């Protein structure tokens, strides 16, 4: 039996070819890396110096003149006046309970104690930071002090009862001899003035801080409170030589406390000591807020710049020929910059319509031509025929840029850095052959090549 031969018509072949073409493109589209686009926008970037500062205040540590059990009657961080009751010393350890019983019978005093307790707990919740565990240990001290604070105005009225019950020397009330802010925390920091600070003081290995609280037994000569007598204070910082040079012409800076992101302005003085560099920041507020902090993490704003912010992932590098500016000329009837060039086997030089790139850092000396736009063995000429100087294109340099995709394909555009951080570059807004605001650029430059179509 004779087999029938299968004949494919031309139209069927064309249809099959079209189907294969469509399938290939559909599969390619499905598995193609999705291209992300970023819109160029104006932004600002500030150069900052992050460092650790040492707080120096007009303060002194007051020590007890005798021994006993201490009870405080002024809350931590309170402002006190000369002659105001701060604490008492109880040689028996029993008088606090006696006073508490007296206070419990006084409704007004009890209500005041409860109100102070609530406020103390509320303040603690608002300011608590999980990284500062020592604040938790100080809460008990604050609550004890809060309870006893309400007693202050009633102490002297019950003093005669105490003397009759326990003897006149069993109980002492101690008043402040200064005006200032009281703190029940002290440390072992040795420096009294900011000029005494040296580089080793910034090492915190041996730094210790102690919290004082009511009901503790103290001896004669033990610290019982610290008082800061002025709202004016200073912060010492250590600087590198580069940071010193950046700040040396300034007399003030913007300062941010990283603990709670509070920003303020501080006066600035700089000193060089034995090839080491120090800065001294002067402040007239926030002393009370940081009264219990000796070491402060701070950030100093040096300079702010405006420009276009673009992601670092968008940046690519491209090779350019470096050309002296005298080889730039005007071409024909055009007012645009062109070059007079001869390439390969050309016998005469002609005006070439190459893309001219310029960068602000050296725009008075050089311009740039993209290597991939120029034929090999190209020589440039000046338009001064009397000299007829020649310049072979040989010297190259890498320049940064991004891929702009406004028109559906990746077009290289030059960029010039002002500064950068971990994620972004801040670039000049007026670079020749650069980007403009609201341009769309490729977010990840590695996803595409120059001149590739994106749609």
Protein backbone atom coordinates (compact mmCIF):
# COMPACT_ATOMS: atom_id res chain seq x y z
CA UNK A 1 0.00 0.00 0.00
CA UNK A 2 1.45 3.34 -1.06
CA UNK A 3 1.93 5.91 1.78
CA UNK A 4 0.43 9.36 1.42
CA UNK A 5 2.93 12.19 1.51
CA UNK A 6 2.21 15.05 3.91
CA UNK A 7 2.50 18.50 2.35
CA UNK A 8 2.73 21.60 4.57
CA UNK A 9 1.32 24.76 3.09
CA UNK A 10 3.29 27.99 3.30
CA UNK A 11 0.61 29.63 5.42
CA UNK A 12 0.80 26.79 7.96
CA UNK A 13 4.56 27.15 8.21
CA UNK A 14 4.22 30.88 8.80
CA UNK A 15 1.55 30.30 11.46
CA UNK A 16 3.73 27.77 13.28
CA UNK A 17 6.66 30.20 13.15
CA UNK A 18 4.53 32.98 14.64
CA UNK A 19 3.31 30.70 17.43
CA UNK A 20 6.88 29.67 18.30
CA UNK A 21 7.95 33.33 18.32
CA UNK A 22 5.07 34.27 20.63
CA UNK A 23 5.75 31.35 22.97
CA UNK A 24 9.44 32.23 23.20
CA UNK A 25 8.65 35.84 24.07
CA UNK A 26 5.98 34.85 26.60
CA UNK A 27 8.38 32.46 28.32
CA UNK A 28 11.10 35.11 28.20
CA UNK A 29 8.77 37.67 29.75
CA UNK A 30 7.70 35.28 32.53
CA UNK A 31 11.25 34.43 33.53
CA UNK A 32 12.75 37.86 32.87
CA UNK A 33 14.01 39.76 35.88
CA UNK A 34 11.44 42.35 36.82
CA UNK A 35 12.98 45.78 36.40
CA UNK A 36 12.45 48.23 39.27
CA UNK A 37 12.47 51.94 38.53
CA UNK A 38 13.29 54.85 40.87
CA UNK A 39 12.11 58.44 40.36
CA UNK A 40 14.81 61.05 40.87
CA UNK A 41 13.84 63.64 43.50
CA UNK A 42 15.46 66.52 45.32
CA UNK A 43 16.85 65.78 48.73
CA UNK A 44 19.21 66.90 51.45
CA UNK A 45 22.11 65.15 53.14
CA UNK A 46 23.98 66.31 56.21
CA UNK A 47 27.54 65.41 57.07
CA UNK A 48 27.65 64.30 60.69
CA UNK A 49 30.22 63.43 63.30
CA UNK A 50 29.06 60.69 65.68
CA UNK A 51 31.01 60.50 68.90
CA UNK A 52 30.91 60.02 72.67
CA UNK A 53 30.92 63.14 74.82
CA UNK A 54 31.84 63.64 78.48
CA UNK A 55 29.51 65.90 80.45
CA UNK A 56 31.10 68.41 82.83
CA UNK A 57 28.83 70.40 85.15
CA UNK A 58 29.23 72.92 87.94
CA UNK A 59 28.56 70.30 90.60
CA UNK A 60 29.79 68.95 93.87
CA UNK A 61 29.29 65.82 95.93
CA UNK A 62 28.04 66.47 99.47
CA UNK A 63 29.24 64.05 102.15
CA UNK A 64 27.66 63.14 105.46
CA UNK A 65 29.16 64.58 108.63
CA UNK A 66 27.84 61.75 110.78
CA UNK A 67 26.44 58.22 110.52
CA UNK A 68 22.95 56.79 110.54
CA UNK A 69 20.09 55.64 108.36
CA UNK A 70 19.37 58.18 105.65
CA UNK A 71 15.95 59.27 104.41
CA UNK A 72 15.51 61.77 101.56
CA UNK A 73 12.73 64.35 101.45
CA UNK A 74 13.42 65.97 98.09
CA UNK A 75 12.79 64.07 94.82
CA UNK A 76 15.66 63.29 92.47
CA UNK A 77 16.34 66.14 89.97
CA UNK A 78 14.58 68.68 92.18
CA UNK A 79 15.59 72.31 92.40
CA UNK A 80 16.48 73.25 95.97
CA UNK A 81 17.28 76.50 97.72
CA UNK A 82 19.82 77.27 100.39
CA UNK A 83 18.32 76.19 103.72
CA UNK A 84 15.80 73.73 102.27
CA UNK A 85 15.44 70.30 103.93
CA UNK A 86 17.05 67.52 101.85
CA UNK A 87 17.51 64.47 104.08
CA UNK A 88 17.48 63.18 107.62
CA UNK A 89 19.78 60.85 109.55
CA UNK A 90 18.28 58.35 111.97
CA UNK A 91 20.74 56.72 114.34
CA UNK A 92 18.12 54.16 115.49
CA UNK A 93 16.62 53.04 112.16
CA UNK A 94 13.12 53.29 113.64
CA UNK A 95 12.16 56.91 113.19
CA UNK A 96 11.14 56.56 109.52
CA UNK A 97 8.34 54.15 110.49
CA UNK A 98 7.25 56.48 113.28
CA UNK A 99 7.03 59.41 110.85
CA UNK A 100 5.10 57.24 108.35
CA UNK A 101 2.52 56.47 111.02
CA UNK A 102 2.19 60.16 111.79
CA UNK A 103 1.76 60.94 108.09
CA UNK A 104 -0.84 58.17 107.66
CA UNK A 105 -3.04 59.96 110.17
CA UNK A 106 -2.79 63.13 108.05
CA UNK A 107 -5.12 62.69 105.03
CA UNK A 108 -3.66 65.60 103.08
CA UNK A 109 -0.11 64.24 103.40
CA UNK A 110 -1.20 60.72 102.41
CA UNK A 111 -2.97 61.96 99.28
CA UNK A 112 0.12 63.92 98.33
CA UNK A 113 2.29 60.81 98.72
CA UNK A 114 0.00 58.77 96.45
CA UNK A 115 0.01 61.52 93.79
CA UNK A 116 3.81 61.68 93.83
CA UNK A 117 4.04 57.88 93.52
CA UNK A 118 1.76 57.87 90.46
CA UNK A 119 3.75 60.63 88.81
CA UNK A 120 7.05 58.84 89.51
CA UNK A 121 5.83 55.60 87.88
CA UNK A 122 4.38 57.50 84.91
CA UNK A 123 7.66 59.35 84.33
CA UNK A 124 9.57 56.06 84.51
CA UNK A 125 7.32 54.43 81.88
CA UNK A 126 7.70 57.40 79.53
CA UNK A 127 11.49 57.50 79.70
CA UNK A 128 12.36 53.81 80.08
CA UNK A 129 14.80 52.37 77.55
CA UNK A 130 15.28 48.57 77.32
CA UNK A 131 19.01 49.01 76.78
CA UNK A 132 19.47 50.84 80.08
CA UNK A 133 18.76 48.20 82.71
CA UNK A 134 20.19 50.29 85.51
CA UNK A 135 17.12 52.55 85.27
CA UNK A 136 15.05 49.63 86.58
CA UNK A 137 17.24 49.31 89.65
CA UNK A 138 16.91 53.02 90.33
CA UNK A 139 13.09 52.87 90.29
CA UNK A 140 12.92 51.53 93.85
CA UNK A 141 15.08 54.40 95.03
CA UNK A 142 12.81 56.86 93.24
CA UNK A 143 9.67 55.34 94.78
CA UNK A 144 11.18 55.40 98.27
CA UNK A 145 12.18 59.00 97.81
CA UNK A 146 8.76 59.85 96.41
CA UNK A 147 7.02 58.52 99.52
CA UNK A 148 9.30 60.41 101.85
CA UNK A 149 9.16 63.59 99.78
CA UNK A 150 5.60 64.17 100.90
CA UNK A 151 6.82 64.16 104.50
CA UNK A 152 9.16 67.10 104.16
CA UNK A 153 6.78 69.85 105.18
CA UNK A 154 5.51 67.78 108.12
CA UNK A 155 8.88 66.72 109.53
CA UNK A 156 9.58 69.81 111.55
CA UNK A 157 6.09 69.75 113.08
CA UNK A 158 6.74 66.27 114.48
CA UNK A 159 10.36 66.96 115.49
CA UNK A 160 9.50 67.61 119.14
CA UNK A 161 7.62 64.30 119.33
CA UNK A 162 10.64 62.50 117.92
CA UNK A 163 13.04 64.12 120.41
CA UNK A 164 10.81 63.19 123.32
CA UNK A 165 10.48 59.58 122.14
CA UNK A 166 14.03 58.78 120.92
CA UNK A 167 16.28 61.49 122.34
CA UNK A 168 17.47 64.76 120.83
CA UNK A 169 20.58 63.26 119.15
CA UNK A 170 18.78 60.31 117.54
CA UNK A 171 17.44 62.30 114.62
CA UNK A 172 19.05 65.02 112.47
CA UNK A 173 17.55 66.97 109.60
CA UNK A 174 20.07 68.24 107.05
CA UNK A 175 19.43 71.28 104.88
CA UNK A 176 21.06 72.41 101.67
CA UNK A 177 23.84 74.97 101.80
CA UNK A 178 23.53 75.76 98.07
CA UNK A 179 21.01 76.59 95.39
CA UNK A 180 20.87 74.00 92.61
CA UNK A 181 19.55 70.71 91.25
CA UNK A 182 19.81 67.66 93.51
CA UNK A 183 20.75 64.20 92.24
CA UNK A 184 21.06 60.98 94.20
CA UNK A 185 23.52 59.48 91.73
CA UNK A 186 27.27 60.01 91.71
CA UNK A 187 30.21 58.45 89.87
CA UNK A 188 33.97 58.01 90.12
CA UNK A 189 34.83 60.42 87.31
CA UNK A 190 37.91 62.31 88.43
CA UNK A 191 37.90 65.53 86.36
CA UNK A 192 36.56 68.71 87.87
CA UNK A 193 37.05 71.01 84.88
CA UNK A 194 36.79 70.42 81.17
CA UNK A 195 40.45 71.37 80.59
CA UNK A 196 41.55 68.41 82.73
CA UNK A 197 40.05 65.86 80.34
CA UNK A 198 42.54 63.72 78.39
CA UNK A 199 42.13 60.97 75.80
CA UNK A 200 42.08 58.15 78.39
CA UNK A 201 38.99 59.65 80.03
CA UNK A 202 36.93 58.58 77.02
CA UNK A 203 37.62 54.92 77.86
CA UNK A 204 34.82 53.68 80.10
CA UNK A 205 36.38 50.44 81.34
CA UNK A 206 36.80 51.65 84.92
CA UNK A 207 33.80 53.95 85.05
CA UNK A 208 31.35 53.30 87.91
CA UNK A 209 28.10 54.95 88.91
CA UNK A 210 26.24 54.54 92.20
CA UNK A 211 22.62 55.25 93.09
CA UNK A 212 21.76 56.48 96.57
CA UNK A 213 18.43 55.69 98.18
CA UNK A 214 16.54 56.09 101.41
CA UNK A 215 16.90 53.57 104.26
CA UNK A 216 20.59 52.98 103.51
CA UNK A 217 23.06 53.19 106.38
CA UNK A 218 25.77 55.78 105.81
CA UNK A 219 28.97 56.59 107.64
CA UNK A 220 30.64 59.88 108.27
CA UNK A 221 32.34 60.96 105.01
CA UNK A 222 30.05 58.93 102.71
CA UNK A 223 28.50 60.75 99.71
CA UNK A 224 24.83 61.54 100.36
CA UNK A 225 23.85 63.64 97.34
CA UNK A 226 25.20 65.58 94.39
CA UNK A 227 24.15 69.13 93.59
CA UNK A 228 24.57 70.97 90.29
CA UNK A 229 24.64 74.69 90.86
CA UNK A 230 24.19 75.98 87.30
CA UNK A 231 22.10 75.21 84.23
CA UNK A 232 25.18 75.94 82.10
CA UNK A 233 27.27 72.88 81.31
CA UNK A 234 29.77 71.54 78.78
CA UNK A 235 30.45 68.38 76.82
CA UNK A 236 33.99 67.38 75.87
CA UNK A 237 34.57 65.36 72.69
CA UNK A 238 37.66 63.85 71.10
CA UNK A 239 38.20 64.53 67.38
CA UNK A 240 40.32 63.23 64.56
CA UNK A 241 42.54 65.69 62.73
CA UNK A 242 40.12 65.69 59.77
CA UNK A 243 37.13 66.40 62.04
CA UNK A 244 39.11 69.13 63.80
CA UNK A 245 39.86 70.82 60.46
CA UNK A 246 36.20 70.59 59.46
CA UNK A 247 35.08 72.35 62.63
CA UNK A 248 37.92 74.80 63.25
CA UNK A 249 36.20 77.80 61.64
CA UNK A 250 32.96 77.35 63.59
CA UNK A 251 31.89 78.78 66.91
CA UNK A 252 28.63 76.81 67.16
CA UNK A 253 27.14 73.54 65.87
CA UNK A 254 23.85 71.68 65.83
CA UNK A 255 23.99 68.84 68.31
CA UNK A 256 21.71 65.78 68.60
CA UNK A 257 21.51 63.58 71.70
CA UNK A 258 21.12 60.08 70.25
CA UNK A 259 19.56 58.75 73.45
CA UNK A 260 16.26 60.47 72.64
CA UNK A 261 16.94 62.39 69.40
CA UNK A 262 16.77 65.84 70.95
CA UNK A 263 18.54 68.48 68.83
CA UNK A 264 19.88 71.81 70.06
CA UNK A 265 22.55 74.39 69.28
CA UNK A 266 25.80 74.39 71.24
CA UNK A 267 28.73 76.77 71.38
CA UNK A 268 32.01 75.27 70.17
CA UNK A 269 35.64 75.70 71.19
CA UNK A 270 38.50 73.56 69.85
CA UNK A 271 41.93 72.79 71.29
CA UNK A 272 44.94 70.78 70.21
CA UNK A 273 46.91 69.08 72.99
CA UNK A 274 50.05 67.12 72.14
CA UNK A 275 48.80 66.13 68.68
CA UNK A 276 45.41 65.20 70.09
CA UNK A 277 42.28 67.15 69.20
CA UNK A 278 39.40 68.07 71.49
CA UNK A 279 36.17 69.98 71.16
CA UNK A 280 34.21 71.64 73.96
CA UNK A 281 30.47 72.13 73.50
CA UNK A 282 28.77 74.75 75.66
CA UNK A 283 25.06 74.45 76.50
CA UNK A 284 22.58 76.41 78.56
CA UNK A 285 19.72 73.90 78.63
CA UNK A 286 19.00 70.16 79.02
CA UNK A 287 21.46 69.90 81.91
CA UNK A 288 18.73 68.49 84.18
CA UNK A 289 17.57 66.02 81.53
CA UNK A 290 21.01 64.42 81.38
CA UNK A 291 22.16 65.17 84.91
CA UNK A 292 22.78 61.49 85.68
CA UNK A 293 24.70 60.81 82.45
CA UNK A 294 28.47 61.26 82.32
CA UNK A 295 28.96 59.73 78.87
CA UNK A 296 26.60 60.85 76.13
CA UNK A 297 26.27 59.50 72.59
CA UNK A 298 25.92 62.55 70.37
CA UNK A 299 25.91 63.54 66.72
CA UNK A 300 27.23 66.85 65.41
CA UNK A 301 25.89 68.24 62.13
CA UNK A 302 28.72 69.70 60.07
CA UNK A 303 27.31 70.69 56.68
CA UNK A 304 24.01 70.25 54.85
CA UNK A 305 23.83 69.99 51.06
CA UNK A 306 20.96 69.94 48.61
CA UNK A 307 20.87 67.88 45.42
CA UNK A 308 19.27 64.81 43.89
CA UNK A 309 19.17 61.66 46.03
CA UNK A 310 19.69 58.42 44.14
CA UNK A 311 20.17 54.85 45.45
CA UNK A 312 23.68 53.44 45.41
CA UNK A 313 22.33 50.36 43.63
CA UNK A 314 21.52 52.53 40.60
CA UNK A 315 25.10 53.62 39.99
CA UNK A 316 27.25 52.21 37.16
CA UNK A 317 30.70 53.13 35.85
CA UNK A 318 31.65 53.83 32.26
CA UNK A 319 34.97 54.41 30.47
CA UNK A 320 35.65 57.87 29.01
CA UNK A 321 38.44 59.48 27.05
CA UNK A 322 39.91 62.49 28.84
CA UNK A 323 40.38 65.41 26.41
CA UNK A 324 41.94 68.86 27.02
CA UNK A 325 39.35 71.62 26.69
CA UNK A 326 41.15 73.32 23.76
CA UNK A 327 40.04 70.48 21.48
CA UNK A 328 36.41 71.53 21.87
CA UNK A 329 35.00 73.47 18.90
CA UNK A 330 31.72 74.61 17.36
CA UNK A 331 30.31 72.53 14.55
CA UNK A 332 28.89 73.96 11.33
CA UNK A 333 25.75 76.00 11.80
CA UNK A 334 25.25 74.62 15.30
CA UNK A 335 26.11 76.53 18.45
CA UNK A 336 26.65 73.24 20.27
CA UNK A 337 30.09 72.00 21.22
CA UNK A 338 31.62 69.50 18.80
CA UNK A 339 35.05 68.05 18.03
CA UNK A 340 37.22 68.01 14.92
CA UNK A 341 38.35 64.41 14.49
CA UNK A 342 39.78 61.85 12.11
CA UNK A 343 39.14 58.16 12.66
CA UNK A 344 40.67 55.02 11.15
CA UNK A 345 41.29 55.35 7.39
CA UNK A 346 39.70 58.80 7.03
CA UNK A 347 41.96 61.14 5.10
CA UNK A 348 40.68 64.42 6.49
CA UNK A 349 39.32 65.57 9.82
CA UNK A 350 35.61 66.32 10.05
CA UNK A 351 33.23 67.66 12.65
CA UNK A 352 32.00 64.74 14.75
CA UNK A 353 28.70 64.74 16.60
CA UNK A 354 30.00 62.94 19.71
CA UNK A 355 28.20 63.39 23.04
CA UNK A 356 30.20 65.88 25.11
CA UNK A 357 30.40 65.22 28.86
CA UNK A 358 31.71 67.69 31.42
CA UNK A 359 32.27 67.36 35.14
CA UNK A 360 32.34 70.36 37.45
CA UNK A 361 35.56 69.40 39.23
CA UNK A 362 37.68 69.96 36.08
CA UNK A 363 35.33 71.55 33.53
CA UNK A 364 37.80 74.37 32.86
CA UNK A 365 40.52 71.90 31.82
CA UNK A 366 38.91 68.81 30.32
CA UNK A 367 35.86 67.35 28.65
CA UNK A 368 35.04 63.67 28.16
CA UNK A 369 34.01 61.36 25.32
CA UNK A 370 32.44 57.93 25.90
CA UNK A 371 34.85 55.22 24.74
CA UNK A 372 32.05 53.13 23.20
CA UNK A 373 30.92 56.08 21.04
CA UNK A 374 34.29 56.74 19.39
CA UNK A 375 36.05 54.67 16.73
CA UNK A 376 39.47 53.25 17.56
CA UNK A 377 42.59 55.17 16.53
CA UNK A 378 40.71 58.48 16.55
CA UNK A 379 42.74 61.68 16.59
CA UNK A 380 41.35 65.09 17.52
CA UNK A 381 42.43 68.45 16.16
CA UNK A 382 42.12 72.00 17.37
CA UNK A 383 40.23 74.38 15.13
CA UNK A 384 43.28 76.65 15.10
CA UNK A 385 44.66 75.73 11.67
CA UNK A 386 47.90 77.59 12.20
CA UNK A 387 48.86 75.16 14.94
CA UNK A 388 47.04 72.05 13.71
CA UNK A 389 47.73 70.29 17.01
CA UNK A 390 46.74 66.64 17.20
CA UNK A 391 45.51 64.70 20.21
CA UNK A 392 45.21 60.90 19.94
CA UNK A 393 42.45 59.48 22.15
CA UNK A 394 44.32 57.22 24.56
CA UNK A 395 43.94 58.37 28.17
CA UNK A 396 40.78 56.96 29.80
CA UNK A 397 39.04 57.40 33.12
CA UNK A 398 36.00 55.80 34.73
CA UNK A 399 33.04 58.05 35.54
CA UNK A 400 29.84 57.31 37.44
CA UNK A 401 26.36 57.41 36.02
CA UNK A 402 22.89 55.86 36.00
CA UNK A 403 20.56 54.40 33.39
CA UNK A 404 17.64 56.72 32.60
CA UNK A 405 14.65 54.84 31.13
CA UNK A 406 12.21 57.66 30.34
CA UNK A 407 11.93 56.61 26.68
CA UNK A 408 11.74 52.86 27.14
CA UNK A 409 15.42 52.02 26.88
CA UNK A 410 18.44 52.38 29.16
CA UNK A 411 20.34 55.58 28.44
CA UNK A 412 23.53 56.41 30.38
CA UNK A 413 23.50 59.74 32.20
CA UNK A 414 26.45 61.10 34.15
CA UNK A 415 26.35 61.92 37.87
CA UNK A 416 28.66 63.84 40.23
CA UNK A 417 28.71 63.07 43.94
CA UNK A 418 28.33 65.71 46.61
CA UNK A 419 28.36 63.13 49.41
CA UNK A 420 26.87 59.75 50.24
CA UNK A 421 25.66 57.62 53.11
CA UNK A 422 25.05 53.87 53.44
CA UNK A 423 22.15 53.85 50.97
CA UNK A 424 22.16 56.97 48.83
CA UNK A 425 24.32 59.33 46.80
CA UNK A 426 23.54 63.04 46.86
CA UNK A 427 24.48 64.38 43.41
CA UNK A 428 24.79 67.73 41.66
CA UNK A 429 21.70 68.95 39.84
CA UNK A 430 23.45 70.65 36.90
CA UNK A 431 25.85 68.03 35.50
CA UNK A 432 26.27 68.17 31.70
CA UNK A 433 24.54 65.08 30.22
CA UNK A 434 23.25 64.40 33.73
CA UNK A 435 19.88 63.54 35.23
CA UNK A 436 16.93 65.81 35.92
CA UNK A 437 14.35 65.82 38.67
CA UNK A 438 11.58 63.23 38.09
CA UNK A 439 13.70 61.23 35.64
CA UNK A 440 13.10 57.49 35.97
CA UNK A 441 16.26 55.50 36.51
CA UNK A 442 16.95 51.79 36.93
CA UNK A 443 16.95 50.92 40.63
CA UNK A 444 19.38 48.00 40.27
CA UNK A 445 21.80 48.80 37.47
CA UNK A 446 22.98 45.18 37.24
CA UNK A 447 19.53 44.17 35.90
CA UNK A 448 20.04 45.81 32.49
CA UNK A 449 22.67 46.92 30.00
CA UNK A 450 23.03 50.26 28.26
CA UNK A 451 20.64 50.79 25.31
CA UNK A 452 18.57 47.73 26.24
CA UNK A 453 14.81 48.10 25.74
CA UNK A 454 12.86 47.73 28.98
CA UNK A 455 9.35 47.17 27.60
